[in-house]
Amino acid sequence: MRRLLSSNHQLAIALTLFVCGTTLHAQQATLPDIRFTPTPASSAPIQTAAVSPALDLTVSPIAASTSSSADTDQPAPPADIDAPQAQTQSNEPPPKQTSRILGILPNFRAVSADVKLPPQTAKEKFTTAFKDSFDYSAIFIPLALAGYDLESNPYPEFGTGGVAFGRYLWHAAADQTIENLLVEGIVPSITHEDNRYYTLGRGGFFKRTGYALSRAVITRNDAGKDVFNISEVIGSGAAGGISTTYYPTRERTVGSFGSQWGIDIGIDAASFVAKEFWPDINHALFHGAKPTHTAPAQ
């Protein structure tokens, strides 16, 4: 009996060992072989470590191309209409002023566009006043006025012919000299105004003409601010009042005074228009195209 039990026990143990061995062998067969596979440089898909036979982390080339095409098929963002546009204006500087118009007429007070100058001294103001009055070219405007007056004969007391022309000439020269000294020298030295004409140099014809005419009533002071042109308005009025003392007695009226005052301001306003456009005329007639602007090297 003991021998039979021993045989049965041995058989049971053998069966148990067989079942356990079979189970262990099956589990070893199902376990994955975990290892890292190096990816060749020339291979397109990216290989990753095999964690499980059922998990594939490789990026498919078809999926990548589909994603890329989807990105490229997306519409571009709308352009910003408020974005600053490229500058189309020319950077070339305006032409420069010259000291004389047509090489003859005085242009000593004109300042080129975009030029900044220090405040005028009283000496500089009187210097320009004397140059405008006693330069050899200062005679041309009185000559023109004397010729016009000789034809229109506003003062019969002056006579006719050469004698009348001489009288008209010296009266016109006296008017010009007194007006220049008051408007360009004496009054601006008292009121601290700048007697120079600052060229605008840019914009259309009407804009620049309006600017030039406005300089008869607007000027800069020595601090560089725009102020009422006392020198021009009051100085011309004072010159007109003085002129009545050397004209015929019957012309010493308020009307004659106002007429002379208006003529002085009008002549100066017209001269400002000539100063404004003279650089452009000068380049068009005598220097060809405007000078080109060369940007400094960065």
Protein backbone atom coordinates (compact mmCIF):
# COMPACT_ATOMS: atom_id res chain seq x y z
CA MET A 1 0.00 0.00 0.00
CA ARG A 2 2.80 2.39 0.89
CA ARG A 3 4.55 1.48 -2.33
CA LEU A 4 1.35 2.23 -4.31
CA LEU A 5 0.99 5.64 -2.66
CA SER A 6 4.59 6.37 -3.33
CA SER A 7 4.10 5.52 -6.98
CA ASN A 8 1.02 7.73 -7.18
CA HIS A 9 2.85 10.56 -5.48
CA GLN A 10 5.71 10.24 -7.91
CA LEU A 11 3.29 10.28 -10.85
CA ALA A 12 1.53 13.39 -9.52
CA ILE A 13 4.80 15.20 -8.95
CA ALA A 14 5.97 14.31 -12.47
CA LEU A 15 2.72 15.60 -13.97
CA THR A 16 2.97 18.78 -11.93
CA LEU A 17 6.56 19.40 -13.06
CA PHE A 18 5.57 18.75 -16.66
CA VAL A 19 2.68 21.24 -16.55
CA CYS A 20 4.85 23.92 -14.85
CA GLY A 21 7.61 23.43 -17.37
CA THR A 22 5.21 23.71 -20.28
CA THR A 23 3.70 26.88 -18.87
CA LEU A 24 7.10 28.53 -18.33
CA HIS A 25 8.16 27.62 -21.86
CA ALA A 26 4.97 29.15 -23.30
CA GLN A 27 5.46 32.38 -21.31
CA GLN A 28 9.06 32.66 -22.53
CA ALA A 29 7.85 32.22 -26.09
CA THR A 30 5.36 35.09 -25.74
CA LEU A 31 7.72 37.61 -24.09
CA PRO A 32 9.08 40.17 -26.69
CA ASP A 33 12.74 40.57 -27.36
CA ILE A 34 13.24 44.21 -26.26
CA ARG A 35 16.14 45.82 -28.10
CA PHE A 36 16.94 49.20 -29.78
CA THR A 37 17.26 49.11 -33.53
CA PRO A 38 19.52 51.89 -34.99
CA THR A 39 17.92 53.82 -37.84
CA PRO A 40 20.05 54.25 -40.99
CA ALA A 41 20.63 57.92 -41.99
CA SER A 42 19.25 57.35 -45.43
CA SER A 43 15.99 55.74 -44.26
CA ALA A 44 12.97 58.02 -44.49
CA PRO A 45 10.74 56.52 -41.76
CA ILE A 46 11.89 56.89 -38.17
CA GLN A 47 12.17 53.55 -36.26
CA THR A 48 11.63 53.49 -32.53
CA ALA A 49 12.34 50.86 -29.88
CA ALA A 50 9.94 47.98 -30.08
CA VAL A 51 8.07 48.08 -26.79
CA SER A 52 5.37 45.65 -27.80
CA PRO A 53 4.70 43.66 -30.94
CA ALA A 54 1.29 45.38 -31.20
CA LEU A 55 2.61 48.98 -30.77
CA ASP A 56 4.20 50.61 -33.88
CA LEU A 57 5.53 54.17 -33.40
CA THR A 58 6.87 54.54 -36.96
CA VAL A 59 5.66 57.71 -38.78
CA SER A 60 4.16 56.72 -42.06
CA PRO A 61 5.53 58.65 -45.11
CA ILE A 62 2.01 58.80 -46.53
CA ALA A 63 0.68 60.38 -43.34
CA ALA A 64 3.54 62.89 -43.29
CA SER A 65 2.93 63.91 -46.87
CA THR A 66 -0.79 64.20 -46.19
CA SER A 67 -0.12 66.49 -43.23
CA SER A 68 2.29 68.60 -45.28
CA SER A 69 -0.21 68.98 -48.12
CA ALA A 70 -2.91 69.89 -45.64
CA ASP A 71 -0.70 72.67 -44.28
CA THR A 72 0.04 74.02 -47.75
CA ASP A 73 -3.64 73.91 -48.73
CA GLN A 74 -4.59 76.27 -45.90
CA PRO A 75 -5.42 79.80 -47.16
CA ALA A 76 -2.82 82.51 -46.48
CA PRO A 77 -3.71 85.06 -43.78
CA PRO A 78 -5.30 88.25 -45.15
CA ALA A 79 -2.95 91.17 -45.80
CA ASP A 80 -2.96 93.94 -43.25
CA ILE A 81 -4.46 96.88 -45.10
CA ASP A 82 -3.30 99.18 -42.33
CA ALA A 83 0.33 98.18 -42.76
CA PRO A 84 2.56 101.11 -43.80
CA GLN A 85 3.15 101.27 -47.51
CA ALA A 86 6.53 101.71 -49.11
CA GLN A 87 7.69 105.27 -49.50
CA THR A 88 7.21 106.52 -53.04
CA GLN A 89 8.39 110.05 -52.60
CA SER A 90 11.77 110.99 -53.89
CA ASN A 91 14.51 111.65 -51.38
CA GLU A 92 16.35 114.07 -53.61
CA PRO A 93 16.93 117.48 -51.99
CA PRO A 94 15.34 120.62 -53.45
CA PRO A 95 17.61 122.85 -55.55
CA LYS A 96 19.61 125.51 -53.74
CA GLN A 97 19.20 129.26 -53.72
CA THR A 98 21.77 131.58 -55.31
CA SER A 99 22.79 135.03 -54.13
CA ARG A 100 21.42 136.59 -57.33
CA ILE A 101 18.48 135.87 -59.60
CA LEU A 102 19.58 135.52 -63.24
CA GLY A 103 23.00 136.57 -61.99
CA ILE A 104 21.78 140.17 -61.58
CA LEU A 105 18.86 140.75 -59.20
CA PRO A 106 19.71 140.66 -55.47
CA ASN A 107 18.66 137.50 -53.63
CA PHE A 108 20.72 137.89 -50.47
CA ARG A 109 17.92 137.16 -47.99
CA ALA A 110 16.79 133.84 -49.52
CA VAL A 111 17.55 130.65 -47.55
CA SER A 112 17.50 127.26 -49.30
CA ALA A 113 14.86 124.71 -48.31
CA ASP A 114 15.62 122.49 -45.28
CA VAL A 115 18.50 124.74 -44.17
CA LYS A 116 18.58 125.68 -40.48
CA LEU A 117 20.48 128.82 -39.52
CA PRO A 118 21.33 130.42 -36.17
CA PRO A 119 19.44 133.55 -35.11
CA GLN A 120 20.30 136.73 -37.01
CA THR A 121 22.32 139.38 -35.26
CA ALA A 122 21.43 143.05 -35.63
CA LYS A 123 24.60 143.49 -37.69
CA GLU A 124 23.50 140.80 -40.14
CA LYS A 125 20.08 142.44 -40.50
CA PHE A 126 21.58 145.80 -41.38
CA THR A 127 24.10 144.13 -43.69
CA THR A 128 21.35 142.60 -45.84
CA ALA A 129 19.43 145.89 -45.76
CA PHE A 130 22.43 147.81 -47.12
CA LYS A 131 23.23 145.15 -49.73
CA ASP A 132 19.65 145.18 -51.01
CA SER A 133 19.73 148.99 -51.15
CA PHE A 134 23.19 149.83 -52.49
CA ASP A 135 24.27 146.80 -54.50
CA TYR A 136 24.75 147.59 -58.19
CA SER A 137 21.74 145.40 -58.97
CA ALA A 138 19.47 147.47 -56.70
CA ILE A 139 18.95 149.99 -59.52
CA PHE A 140 16.95 147.64 -61.75
CA ILE A 141 13.65 147.79 -59.85
CA PRO A 142 13.68 151.64 -59.64
CA LEU A 143 14.47 151.74 -63.37
CA ALA A 144 11.46 149.55 -64.12
CA LEU A 145 9.18 151.64 -61.90
CA ALA A 146 10.45 154.90 -63.39
CA GLY A 147 9.76 153.65 -66.91
CA TYR A 148 6.23 152.62 -65.96
CA ASP A 149 5.53 155.94 -64.23
CA LEU A 150 6.86 157.87 -67.23
CA GLU A 151 4.25 156.19 -69.41
CA SER A 152 1.36 156.41 -66.93
CA ASN A 153 2.31 159.96 -65.77
CA PRO A 154 0.89 159.77 -62.21
CA TYR A 155 2.59 163.03 -61.24
CA PRO A 156 2.25 165.66 -63.97
CA GLU A 157 4.40 167.98 -61.86
CA PHE A 158 7.42 165.88 -62.85
CA GLY A 159 7.05 166.96 -66.48
CA THR A 160 7.81 164.79 -69.47
CA GLY A 161 10.77 163.27 -71.26
CA GLY A 162 14.17 162.70 -69.71
CA VAL A 163 13.65 165.19 -66.87
CA ALA A 164 10.51 163.42 -65.77
CA PHE A 165 12.22 160.05 -66.04
CA GLY A 166 15.06 161.24 -63.78
CA ARG A 167 12.61 162.53 -61.19
CA TYR A 168 10.64 159.31 -61.21
CA LEU A 169 13.88 157.35 -60.93
CA TRP A 170 15.26 159.08 -57.85
CA HIS A 171 11.87 158.99 -56.13
CA ALA A 172 11.61 155.24 -56.76
CA ALA A 173 15.19 154.68 -55.56
CA ALA A 174 14.50 156.69 -52.40
CA ASP A 175 11.31 154.73 -51.74
CA GLN A 176 13.19 151.43 -52.11
CA THR A 177 16.13 152.44 -49.90
CA ILE A 178 14.00 153.79 -47.05
CA GLU A 179 11.73 150.75 -47.17
CA ASN A 180 14.68 148.31 -47.15
CA LEU A 181 16.35 150.01 -44.18
CA LEU A 182 13.15 149.99 -42.15
CA VAL A 183 11.84 146.52 -43.10
CA GLU A 184 15.15 144.64 -43.11
CA GLY A 185 17.26 146.54 -40.60
CA ILE A 186 15.68 148.94 -38.11
CA VAL A 187 12.30 147.37 -37.27
CA PRO A 188 13.43 143.68 -37.11
CA SER A 189 16.31 144.65 -34.84
CA ILE A 190 13.76 146.18 -32.45
CA THR A 191 11.16 143.39 -32.70
CA HIS A 192 13.74 140.53 -32.87
CA GLU A 193 12.42 139.21 -36.16
CA ASP A 194 14.29 137.32 -38.87
CA ASN A 195 14.31 139.26 -42.17
CA ARG A 196 15.32 136.23 -44.28
CA TYR A 197 13.05 134.33 -46.64
CA TYR A 198 12.98 130.58 -45.87
CA THR A 199 12.18 128.65 -49.03
CA LEU A 200 9.48 125.98 -48.77
CA GLY A 201 10.81 124.07 -51.78
CA ARG A 202 8.18 121.28 -51.74
CA GLY A 203 4.55 120.88 -52.71
CA GLY A 204 2.43 122.01 -55.61
CA PHE A 205 2.43 125.38 -57.33
CA PHE A 206 -0.53 126.82 -55.41
CA LYS A 207 0.76 125.62 -52.06
CA ARG A 208 4.17 127.18 -52.59
CA THR A 209 2.70 130.38 -54.04
CA GLY A 210 0.36 130.74 -51.07
CA TYR A 211 3.25 130.16 -48.70
CA ALA A 212 5.38 132.80 -50.42
CA LEU A 213 2.62 135.41 -50.41
CA SER A 214 1.87 134.73 -46.75
CA ARG A 215 5.44 135.67 -45.81
CA ALA A 216 4.40 139.30 -46.29
CA VAL A 217 2.39 139.03 -43.08
CA ILE A 218 4.05 136.03 -41.37
CA THR A 219 7.73 135.71 -40.55
CA ARG A 220 10.04 134.01 -38.05
CA ASN A 221 11.35 135.63 -34.93
CA ASP A 222 14.86 135.12 -33.64
CA ALA A 223 13.64 132.08 -31.66
CA GLY A 224 12.51 130.38 -34.90
CA LYS A 225 8.75 130.70 -34.28
CA ASP A 226 6.22 132.03 -36.78
CA VAL A 227 4.93 135.48 -35.78
CA PHE A 228 3.08 138.40 -37.31
CA ASN A 229 5.43 140.23 -39.68
CA ILE A 230 5.65 143.57 -37.91
CA SER A 231 8.79 144.43 -39.84
CA GLU A 232 7.05 144.19 -43.20
CA VAL A 233 3.67 145.67 -42.34
CA ILE A 234 4.72 148.45 -39.97
CA GLY A 235 8.07 149.07 -41.67
CA SER A 236 6.43 149.50 -45.08
CA GLY A 237 3.80 151.78 -43.59
CA ALA A 238 6.46 153.94 -41.99
CA ALA A 239 8.35 154.08 -45.29
CA GLY A 240 5.16 155.13 -47.08
CA GLY A 241 4.58 157.89 -44.55
CA ILE A 242 8.11 159.22 -44.97
CA SER A 243 7.81 159.15 -48.76
CA THR A 244 4.92 161.63 -48.70
CA THR A 245 7.32 164.32 -47.52
CA TYR A 246 9.24 164.44 -50.82
CA TYR A 247 6.38 163.96 -53.28
CA PRO A 248 4.30 166.88 -54.66
CA THR A 249 2.14 168.64 -52.07
CA ARG A 250 -1.13 167.57 -53.62
CA GLU A 251 -0.08 163.88 -53.24
CA ARG A 252 0.37 164.16 -49.48
CA THR A 253 -2.98 162.58 -48.70
CA VAL A 254 -4.17 159.52 -46.85
CA GLY A 255 -5.02 157.91 -50.16
CA SER A 256 -1.53 158.45 -51.55
CA PHE A 257 -0.04 157.15 -48.33
CA GLY A 258 -2.18 153.98 -48.44
CA SER A 259 -1.34 153.44 -52.11
CA GLN A 260 2.40 153.68 -51.47
CA TRP A 261 2.07 151.37 -48.45
CA GLY A 262 0.26 148.75 -50.51
CA ILE A 263 2.77 149.01 -53.37
CA ASP A 264 5.70 148.40 -51.01
CA ILE A 265 4.09 145.30 -49.46
CA GLY A 266 2.97 144.06 -52.88
CA ILE A 267 6.47 144.36 -54.35
CA ASP A 268 7.93 142.42 -51.41
CA ALA A 269 5.23 139.72 -51.71
CA ALA A 270 5.97 139.33 -55.43
CA SER A 271 9.69 139.12 -54.67
CA PHE A 272 8.98 136.27 -52.22
CA VAL A 273 7.21 134.33 -54.98
CA ALA A 274 10.20 134.87 -57.25
CA LYS A 275 12.56 133.69 -54.49
CA GLU A 276 10.45 130.57 -53.89
CA PHE A 277 10.54 129.34 -57.49
CA TRP A 278 13.92 130.68 -58.55
CA PRO A 279 15.89 127.53 -57.57
CA ASP A 280 13.60 125.37 -59.75
CA ILE A 281 13.80 127.78 -62.67
CA ASN A 282 17.55 128.02 -62.28
CA HIS A 283 17.99 124.23 -62.45
CA ALA A 284 15.54 123.82 -65.30
CA LEU A 285 17.14 126.51 -67.49
CA PHE A 286 20.81 126.42 -66.59
CA HIS A 287 21.67 123.26 -64.67
CA GLY A 288 19.49 120.56 -66.23
CA ALA A 289 17.96 118.03 -63.87
CA LYS A 290 17.84 118.48 -60.15
CA PRO A 291 20.81 117.09 -58.23
CA THR A 292 20.34 113.48 -57.23
CA HIS A 293 20.45 112.46 -53.60
CA THR A 294 22.92 109.74 -52.66
CA ALA A 295 22.11 107.90 -49.45
CA PRO A 296 25.06 107.56 -47.05
CA ALA A 297 26.67 104.18 -46.82
CA GLN A 298 25.46 102.14 -43.89
